[in-house]
Amino acid sequence: GRIRFDGQVFSLQQLEFALQEATRNYPDLKVEFEADGTCSHQMVCEVLATIQKAGNKNLNLRYASTQMPRASVQR
């Protein structure tokens, strides 16, 4: 239930603001999003929507679980 960005815990609103600022300062910024196996589907959707609202178009999705190896999908 926690969102971490650049090592700090953020709310969805704080994440959106931070991503807007970071994307404005670094237009080619790559966002790596990783959800662990305990994260709810709803939270994943909310974070992805927040990344989209912030205007970042360079997203790397990762899935982490104790049962599956880490993987990434380039968008």
PDB file of N, CA and C in Angstrom:
ATOM      1  N   GLY A   1       0.792  -1.203   0.000  1.00  0.00           N
ATOM      2  CA  GLY A   1       0.000   0.000   0.000  1.00  0.00           C
ATOM      3  C   GLY A   1       0.830   1.261   0.000  1.00  0.00           C
ATOM      4  N   ARG A   2       2.150   1.151  -0.133  1.00  0.00           N
ATOM      5  CA  ARG A   2       2.997   2.341  -0.152  1.00  0.00           C
ATOM      6  C   ARG A   2       3.570   2.581  -1.538  1.00  0.00           C
ATOM      7  N   ILE A   3       3.662   3.835  -1.894  1.00  0.00           N
ATOM      8  CA  ILE A   3       4.243   4.234  -3.180  1.00  0.00           C
ATOM      9  C   ILE A   3       5.592   4.871  -2.884  1.00  0.00           C
ATOM     10  N   ARG A   4       6.619   4.353  -3.516  1.00  0.00           N
ATOM     11  CA  ARG A   4       7.954   4.924  -3.350  1.00  0.00           C
ATOM     12  C   ARG A   4       8.410   5.503  -4.682  1.00  0.00           C
ATOM     13  N   PHE A   5       8.952   6.685  -4.596  1.00  0.00           N
ATOM     14  CA  PHE A   5       9.521   7.353  -5.773  1.00  0.00           C
ATOM     15  C   PHE A   5      10.825   7.985  -5.328  1.00  0.00           C
ATOM     16  N   ASP A   6      11.897   7.605  -5.999  1.00  0.00           N
ATOM     17  CA  ASP A   6      13.219   8.132  -5.687  1.00  0.00           C
ATOM     18  C   ASP A   6      13.563   7.923  -4.210  1.00  0.00           C
ATOM     19  N   GLY A   7      13.152   6.765  -3.676  1.00  0.00           N
ATOM     20  CA  GLY A   7      13.491   6.385  -2.310  1.00  0.00           C
ATOM     21  C   GLY A   7      12.594   6.951  -1.222  1.00  0.00           C
ATOM     22  N   GLN A   8      11.595   7.762  -1.583  1.00  0.00           N
ATOM     23  CA  GLN A   8      10.708   8.368  -0.594  1.00  0.00           C
ATOM     24  C   GLN A   8       9.290   7.853  -0.778  1.00  0.00           C
ATOM     25  N   VAL A   9       8.524   7.836   0.304  1.00  0.00           N
ATOM     26  CA  VAL A   9       7.124   7.411   0.249  1.00  0.00           C
ATOM     27  C   VAL A   9       6.266   8.606  -0.161  1.00  0.00           C
ATOM     28  N   PHE A  10       5.367   8.384  -1.134  1.00  0.00           N
ATOM     29  CA  PHE A  10       4.522   9.428  -1.700  1.00  0.00           C
ATOM     30  C   PHE A  10       3.057   9.000  -1.698  1.00  0.00           C
ATOM     31  N   SER A  11       2.168   9.973  -1.622  1.00  0.00           N
ATOM     32  CA  SER A  11       0.754   9.737  -1.923  1.00  0.00           C
ATOM     33  C   SER A  11       0.611   9.812  -3.448  1.00  0.00           C
ATOM     34  N   LEU A  12      -0.547   9.441  -3.970  1.00  0.00           N
ATOM     35  CA  LEU A  12      -0.764   9.540  -5.414  1.00  0.00           C
ATOM     36  C   LEU A  12      -0.635  10.983  -5.894  1.00  0.00           C
ATOM     37  N   GLN A  13      -1.165  11.929  -5.128  1.00  0.00           N
ATOM     38  CA  GLN A  13      -1.065  13.344  -5.506  1.00  0.00           C
ATOM     39  C   GLN A  13       0.384  13.814  -5.511  1.00  0.00           C
ATOM     40  N   GLN A  14       1.126  13.429  -4.501  1.00  0.00           N
ATOM     41  CA  GLN A  14       2.542  13.812  -4.433  1.00  0.00           C
ATOM     42  C   GLN A  14       3.320  13.185  -5.587  1.00  0.00           C
ATOM     43  N   LEU A  15       2.997  11.936  -5.910  1.00  0.00           N
ATOM     44  CA  LEU A  15       3.655  11.259  -7.023  1.00  0.00           C
ATOM     45  C   LEU A  15       3.393  11.988  -8.327  1.00  0.00           C
ATOM     46  N   GLU A  16       2.148  12.365  -8.564  1.00  0.00           N
ATOM     47  CA  GLU A  16       1.807  13.070  -9.803  1.00  0.00           C
ATOM     48  C   GLU A  16       2.607  14.376  -9.912  1.00  0.00           C
ATOM     49  N   PHE A  17       2.639  15.162  -8.839  1.00  0.00           N
ATOM     50  CA  PHE A  17       3.377  16.418  -8.857  1.00  0.00           C
ATOM     51  C   PHE A  17       4.866  16.180  -9.112  1.00  0.00           C
ATOM     52  N   ALA A  18       5.452  15.210  -8.400  1.00  0.00           N
ATOM     53  CA  ALA A  18       6.880  14.918  -8.551  1.00  0.00           C
ATOM     54  C   ALA A  18       7.206  14.445  -9.965  1.00  0.00           C
ATOM     55  N   LEU A  19       6.338  13.609 -10.537  1.00  0.00           N
ATOM     56  CA  LEU A  19       6.565  13.127 -11.903  1.00  0.00           C
ATOM     57  C   LEU A  19       6.395  14.240 -12.933  1.00  0.00           C
ATOM     58  N   GLN A  20       5.425  15.134 -12.713  1.00  0.00           N
ATOM     59  CA  GLN A  20       5.256  16.273 -13.625  1.00  0.00           C
ATOM     60  C   GLN A  20       6.519  17.122 -13.645  1.00  0.00           C
ATOM     61  N   GLU A  21       7.026  17.407 -12.470  1.00  0.00           N
ATOM     62  CA  GLU A  21       8.231  18.228 -12.361  1.00  0.00           C
ATOM     63  C   GLU A  21       9.445  17.525 -12.964  1.00  0.00           C
ATOM     64  N   ALA A  22       9.618  16.255 -12.632  1.00  0.00           N
ATOM     65  CA  ALA A  22      10.764  15.499 -13.148  1.00  0.00           C
ATOM     66  C   ALA A  22      10.688  15.358 -14.667  1.00  0.00           C
ATOM     67  N   THR A  23       9.494  15.107 -15.199  1.00  0.00           N
ATOM     68  CA  THR A  23       9.326  14.957 -16.646  1.00  0.00           C
ATOM     69  C   THR A  23       9.540  16.290 -17.353  1.00  0.00           C
ATOM     70  N   ARG A  24       9.123  17.370 -16.728  1.00  0.00           N
ATOM     71  CA  ARG A  24       9.341  18.708 -17.307  1.00  0.00           C
ATOM     72  C   ARG A  24      10.848  19.011 -17.358  1.00  0.00           C
ATOM     73  N   ASN A  25      11.558  18.662 -16.297  1.00  0.00           N
ATOM     74  CA  ASN A  25      12.999  18.923 -16.240  1.00  0.00           C
ATOM     75  C   ASN A  25      13.817  17.961 -17.090  1.00  0.00           C
ATOM     76  N   TYR A  26      13.310  16.743 -17.240  1.00  0.00           N
ATOM     77  CA  TYR A  26      14.019  15.698 -17.996  1.00  0.00           C
ATOM     78  C   TYR A  26      13.025  15.012 -18.930  1.00  0.00           C
ATOM     79  N   PRO A  27      12.773  15.577 -20.118  1.00  0.00           N
ATOM     80  CA  PRO A  27      11.744  15.049 -21.022  1.00  0.00           C
ATOM     81  C   PRO A  27      11.922  13.571 -21.397  1.00  0.00           C
ATOM     82  N   ASP A  28      13.152  13.068 -21.369  1.00  0.00           N
ATOM     83  CA  ASP A  28      13.410  11.663 -21.714  1.00  0.00           C
ATOM     84  C   ASP A  28      13.454  10.762 -20.482  1.00  0.00           C
ATOM     85  N   LEU A  29      12.971  11.254 -19.351  1.00  0.00           N
ATOM     86  CA  LEU A  29      12.996  10.490 -18.112  1.00  0.00           C
ATOM     87  C   LEU A  29      12.284   9.151 -18.269  1.00  0.00           C
ATOM     88  N   LYS A  30      12.950   8.080 -17.860  1.00  0.00           N
ATOM     89  CA  LYS A  30      12.339   6.752 -17.870  1.00  0.00           C
ATOM     90  C   LYS A  30      11.829   6.439 -16.465  1.00  0.00           C
ATOM     91  N   VAL A  31      10.542   6.114 -16.377  1.00  0.00           N
ATOM     92  CA  VAL A  31       9.944   5.723 -15.114  1.00  0.00           C
ATOM     93  C   VAL A  31       9.902   4.206 -15.059  1.00  0.00           C
ATOM     94  N   GLU A  32      10.472   3.628 -14.008  1.00  0.00           N
ATOM     95  CA  GLU A  32      10.395   2.189 -13.810  1.00  0.00           C
ATOM     96  C   GLU A  32       9.380   1.930 -12.718  1.00  0.00           C
ATOM     97  N   PHE A  33       8.340   1.198 -13.081  1.00  0.00           N
ATOM     98  CA  PHE A  33       7.264   0.899 -12.148  1.00  0.00           C
ATOM     99  C   PHE A  33       7.324  -0.579 -11.806  1.00  0.00           C
ATOM    100  N   GLU A  34       7.400  -0.867 -10.514  1.00  0.00           N
ATOM    101  CA  GLU A  34       7.456  -2.249 -10.049  1.00  0.00           C
ATOM    102  C   GLU A  34       6.450  -2.437  -8.923  1.00  0.00           C
ATOM    103  N   ALA A  35       5.628  -3.447  -9.058  1.00  0.00           N
ATOM    104  CA  ALA A  35       4.660  -3.786  -8.009  1.00  0.00           C
ATOM    105  C   ALA A  35       4.998  -5.175  -7.491  1.00  0.00           C
ATOM    106  N   ASP A  36       4.992  -5.333  -6.173  1.00  0.00           N
ATOM    107  CA  ASP A  36       5.283  -6.657  -5.640  1.00  0.00           C
ATOM    108  C   ASP A  36       4.005  -7.499  -5.625  1.00  0.00           C
ATOM    109  N   GLY A  37       4.139  -8.739  -5.248  1.00  0.00           N
ATOM    110  CA  GLY A  37       3.019  -9.677  -5.290  1.00  0.00           C
ATOM    111  C   GLY A  37       1.896  -9.368  -4.323  1.00  0.00           C
ATOM    112  N   THR A  38       2.124  -8.487  -3.361  1.00  0.00           N
ATOM    113  CA  THR A  38       1.081  -8.158  -2.400  1.00  0.00           C
ATOM    114  C   THR A  38       0.297  -6.900  -2.784  1.00  0.00           C
ATOM    115  N   CYS A  39       0.727  -6.243  -3.837  1.00  0.00           N
ATOM    116  CA  CYS A  39       0.070  -5.003  -4.274  1.00  0.00           C
ATOM    117  C   CYS A  39      -1.270  -5.325  -4.940  1.00  0.00           C
ATOM    118  N   SER A  40      -2.285  -4.534  -4.610  1.00  0.00           N
ATOM    119  CA  SER A  40      -3.610  -4.780  -5.198  1.00  0.00           C
ATOM    120  C   SER A  40      -3.661  -4.304  -6.645  1.00  0.00           C
ATOM    121  N   HIS A  41      -4.535  -4.927  -7.405  1.00  0.00           N
ATOM    122  CA  HIS A  41      -4.752  -4.533  -8.797  1.00  0.00           C
ATOM    123  C   HIS A  41      -5.197  -3.075  -8.864  1.00  0.00           C
ATOM    124  N   GLN A  42      -6.041  -2.664  -7.935  1.00  0.00           N
ATOM    125  CA  GLN A  42      -6.529  -1.282  -7.889  1.00  0.00           C
ATOM    126  C   GLN A  42      -5.373  -0.297  -7.731  1.00  0.00           C
ATOM    127  N   MET A  43      -4.445  -0.602  -6.839  1.00  0.00           N
ATOM    128  CA  MET A  43      -3.307   0.293  -6.617  1.00  0.00           C
ATOM    129  C   MET A  43      -2.437   0.379  -7.863  1.00  0.00           C
ATOM    130  N   VAL A  44      -2.210  -0.745  -8.523  1.00  0.00           N
ATOM    131  CA  VAL A  44      -1.435  -0.746  -9.767  1.00  0.00           C
ATOM    132  C   VAL A  44      -2.100   0.173 -10.789  1.00  0.00           C
ATOM    133  N   CYS A  45      -3.408   0.037 -10.961  1.00  0.00           N
ATOM    134  CA  CYS A  45      -4.137   0.868 -11.920  1.00  0.00           C
ATOM    135  C   CYS A  45      -4.055   2.347 -11.556  1.00  0.00           C
ATOM    136  N   GLU A  46      -4.166   2.657 -10.278  1.00  0.00           N
ATOM    137  CA  GLU A  46      -4.103   4.051  -9.838  1.00  0.00           C
ATOM    138  C   GLU A  46      -2.723   4.656 -10.080  1.00  0.00           C
ATOM    139  N   VAL A  47      -1.682   3.896  -9.821  1.00  0.00           N
ATOM    140  CA  VAL A  47      -0.328   4.404 -10.051  1.00  0.00           C
ATOM    141  C   VAL A  47      -0.085   4.588 -11.547  1.00  0.00           C
ATOM    142  N   LEU A  48      -0.488   3.625 -12.367  1.00  0.00           N
ATOM    143  CA  LEU A  48      -0.320   3.757 -13.813  1.00  0.00           C
ATOM    144  C   LEU A  48      -1.082   4.966 -14.349  1.00  0.00           C
ATOM    145  N   ALA A  49      -2.283   5.189 -13.856  1.00  0.00           N
ATOM    146  CA  ALA A  49      -3.073   6.351 -14.272  1.00  0.00           C
ATOM    147  C   ALA A  49      -2.384   7.647 -13.840  1.00  0.00           C
ATOM    148  N   THR A  50      -1.785   7.645 -12.676  1.00  0.00           N
ATOM    149  CA  THR A  50      -1.079   8.826 -12.186  1.00  0.00           C
ATOM    150  C   THR A  50       0.139   9.125 -13.049  1.00  0.00           C
ATOM    151  N   ILE A  51       0.871   8.098 -13.432  1.00  0.00           N
ATOM    152  CA  ILE A  51       2.027   8.275 -14.317  1.00  0.00           C
ATOM    153  C   ILE A  51       1.565   8.863 -15.646  1.00  0.00           C
ATOM    154  N   GLN A  52       0.469   8.361 -16.175  1.00  0.00           N
ATOM    155  CA  GLN A  52      -0.075   8.865 -17.435  1.00  0.00           C
ATOM    156  C   GLN A  52      -0.510  10.329 -17.288  1.00  0.00           C
ATOM    157  N   LYS A  53      -1.219  10.652 -16.199  1.00  0.00           N
ATOM    158  CA  LYS A  53      -1.676  12.026 -15.964  1.00  0.00           C
ATOM    159  C   LYS A  53      -0.505  12.989 -15.817  1.00  0.00           C
ATOM    160  N   ALA A  54       0.603  12.508 -15.294  1.00  0.00           N
ATOM    161  CA  ALA A  54       1.780  13.352 -15.104  1.00  0.00           C
ATOM    162  C   ALA A  54       2.459  13.672 -16.428  1.00  0.00           C
ATOM    163  N   GLY A  55       2.098  12.958 -17.490  1.00  0.00           N
ATOM    164  CA  GLY A  55       2.633  13.251 -18.813  1.00  0.00           C
ATOM    165  C   GLY A  55       3.871  12.476 -19.200  1.00  0.00           C
ATOM    166  N   ASN A  56       4.280  11.517 -18.390  1.00  0.00           N
ATOM    167  CA  ASN A  56       5.455  10.728 -18.737  1.00  0.00           C
ATOM    168  C   ASN A  56       5.071   9.638 -19.728  1.00  0.00           C
ATOM    169  N   LYS A  57       5.849   9.533 -20.807  1.00  0.00           N
ATOM    170  CA  LYS A  57       5.554   8.562 -21.871  1.00  0.00           C
ATOM    171  C   LYS A  57       6.587   7.444 -21.950  1.00  0.00           C
ATOM    172  N   ASN A  58       7.565   7.460 -21.071  1.00  0.00           N
ATOM    173  CA  ASN A  58       8.653   6.488 -21.123  1.00  0.00           C
ATOM    174  C   ASN A  58       8.593   5.602 -19.881  1.00  0.00           C
ATOM    175  N   LEU A  59       7.790   4.552 -19.963  1.00  0.00           N
ATOM    176  CA  LEU A  59       7.489   3.717 -18.812  1.00  0.00           C
ATOM    177  C   LEU A  59       8.030   2.306 -18.998  1.00  0.00           C
ATOM    178  N   ASN A  60       8.673   1.807 -17.961  1.00  0.00           N
ATOM    179  CA  ASN A  60       9.168   0.439 -17.930  1.00  0.00           C
ATOM    180  C   ASN A  60       8.430  -0.278 -16.806  1.00  0.00           C
ATOM    181  N   LEU A  61       7.679  -1.316 -17.133  1.00  0.00           N
ATOM    182  CA  LEU A  61       6.923  -2.064 -16.141  1.00  0.00           C
ATOM    183  C   LEU A  61       7.722  -3.261 -15.665  1.00  0.00           C
ATOM    184  N   ARG A  62       7.707  -3.469 -14.352  1.00  0.00           N
ATOM    185  CA  ARG A  62       8.390  -4.619 -13.769  1.00  0.00           C
ATOM    186  C   ARG A  62       7.446  -5.296 -12.800  1.00  0.00           C
ATOM    187  N   TYR A  63       7.570  -6.588 -12.662  1.00  0.00           N
ATOM    188  CA  TYR A  63       6.747  -7.347 -11.727  1.00  0.00           C
ATOM    189  C   TYR A  63       7.678  -8.124 -10.821  1.00  0.00           C
ATOM    190  N   ALA A  64       7.492  -7.986  -9.533  1.00  0.00           N
ATOM    191  CA  ALA A  64       8.329  -8.713  -8.575  1.00  0.00           C
ATOM    192  C   ALA A  64       7.452  -9.593  -7.700  1.00  0.00           C
ATOM    193  N   SER A  65       7.864 -10.803  -7.526  1.00  0.00           N
ATOM    194  CA  SER A  65       7.141 -11.741  -6.685  1.00  0.00           C
ATOM    195  C   SER A  65       8.135 -12.734  -6.120  1.00  0.00           C
ATOM    196  N   THR A  66       7.802 -13.290  -4.980  1.00  0.00           N
ATOM    197  CA  THR A  66       8.682 -14.306  -4.424  1.00  0.00           C
ATOM    198  C   THR A  66       8.583 -15.593  -5.230  1.00  0.00           C
ATOM    199  N   GLN A  67       7.520 -15.743  -6.015  1.00  0.00           N
ATOM    200  CA  GLN A  67       7.328 -16.966  -6.786  1.00  0.00           C
ATOM    201  C   GLN A  67       7.803 -16.850  -8.230  1.00  0.00           C
ATOM    202  N   MET A  68       7.969 -15.627  -8.728  1.00  0.00           N
ATOM    203  CA  MET A  68       8.359 -15.446 -10.122  1.00  0.00           C
ATOM    204  C   MET A  68       9.620 -14.592 -10.193  1.00  0.00           C
ATOM    205  N   PRO A  69      10.476 -14.831 -11.181  1.00  0.00           N
ATOM    206  CA  PRO A  69      11.661 -13.983 -11.340  1.00  0.00           C
ATOM    207  C   PRO A  69      11.253 -12.594 -11.814  1.00  0.00           C
ATOM    208  N   ARG A  70      12.120 -11.634 -11.600  1.00  0.00           N
ATOM    209  CA  ARG A  70      11.849 -10.277 -12.041  1.00  0.00           C
ATOM    210  C   ARG A  70      11.857 -10.218 -13.567  1.00  0.00           C
ATOM    211  N   ALA A  71      10.972  -9.443 -14.093  1.00  0.00           N
ATOM    212  CA  ALA A  71      10.887  -9.281 -15.543  1.00  0.00           C
ATOM    213  C   ALA A  71      10.593  -7.833 -15.844  1.00  0.00           C
ATOM    214  N   SER A  72      10.923  -7.411 -17.033  1.00  0.00           N
ATOM    215  CA  SER A  72      10.577  -6.053 -17.423  1.00  0.00           C
ATOM    216  C   SER A  72      10.057  -6.063 -18.848  1.00  0.00           C
ATOM    217  N   VAL A  73       9.182  -5.127 -19.113  1.00  0.00           N
ATOM    218  CA  VAL A  73       8.602  -4.986 -20.445  1.00  0.00           C
ATOM    219  C   VAL A  73       8.875  -3.552 -20.884  1.00  0.00           C
ATOM    220  N   GLN A  74       9.543  -3.389 -21.998  1.00  0.00           N
ATOM    221  CA  GLN A  74       9.792  -2.057 -22.521  1.00  0.00           C
ATOM    222  C   GLN A  74       8.574  -1.586 -23.299  1.00  0.00           C
ATOM    223  N   ARG A  75       8.201  -0.370 -23.076  1.00  0.00           N
ATOM    224  CA  ARG A  75       7.045   0.204 -23.763  1.00  0.00           C
ATOM    225  C   ARG A  75       7.486   1.092 -24.864  1.00  0.00           C
TER     226      ARG A  75
END
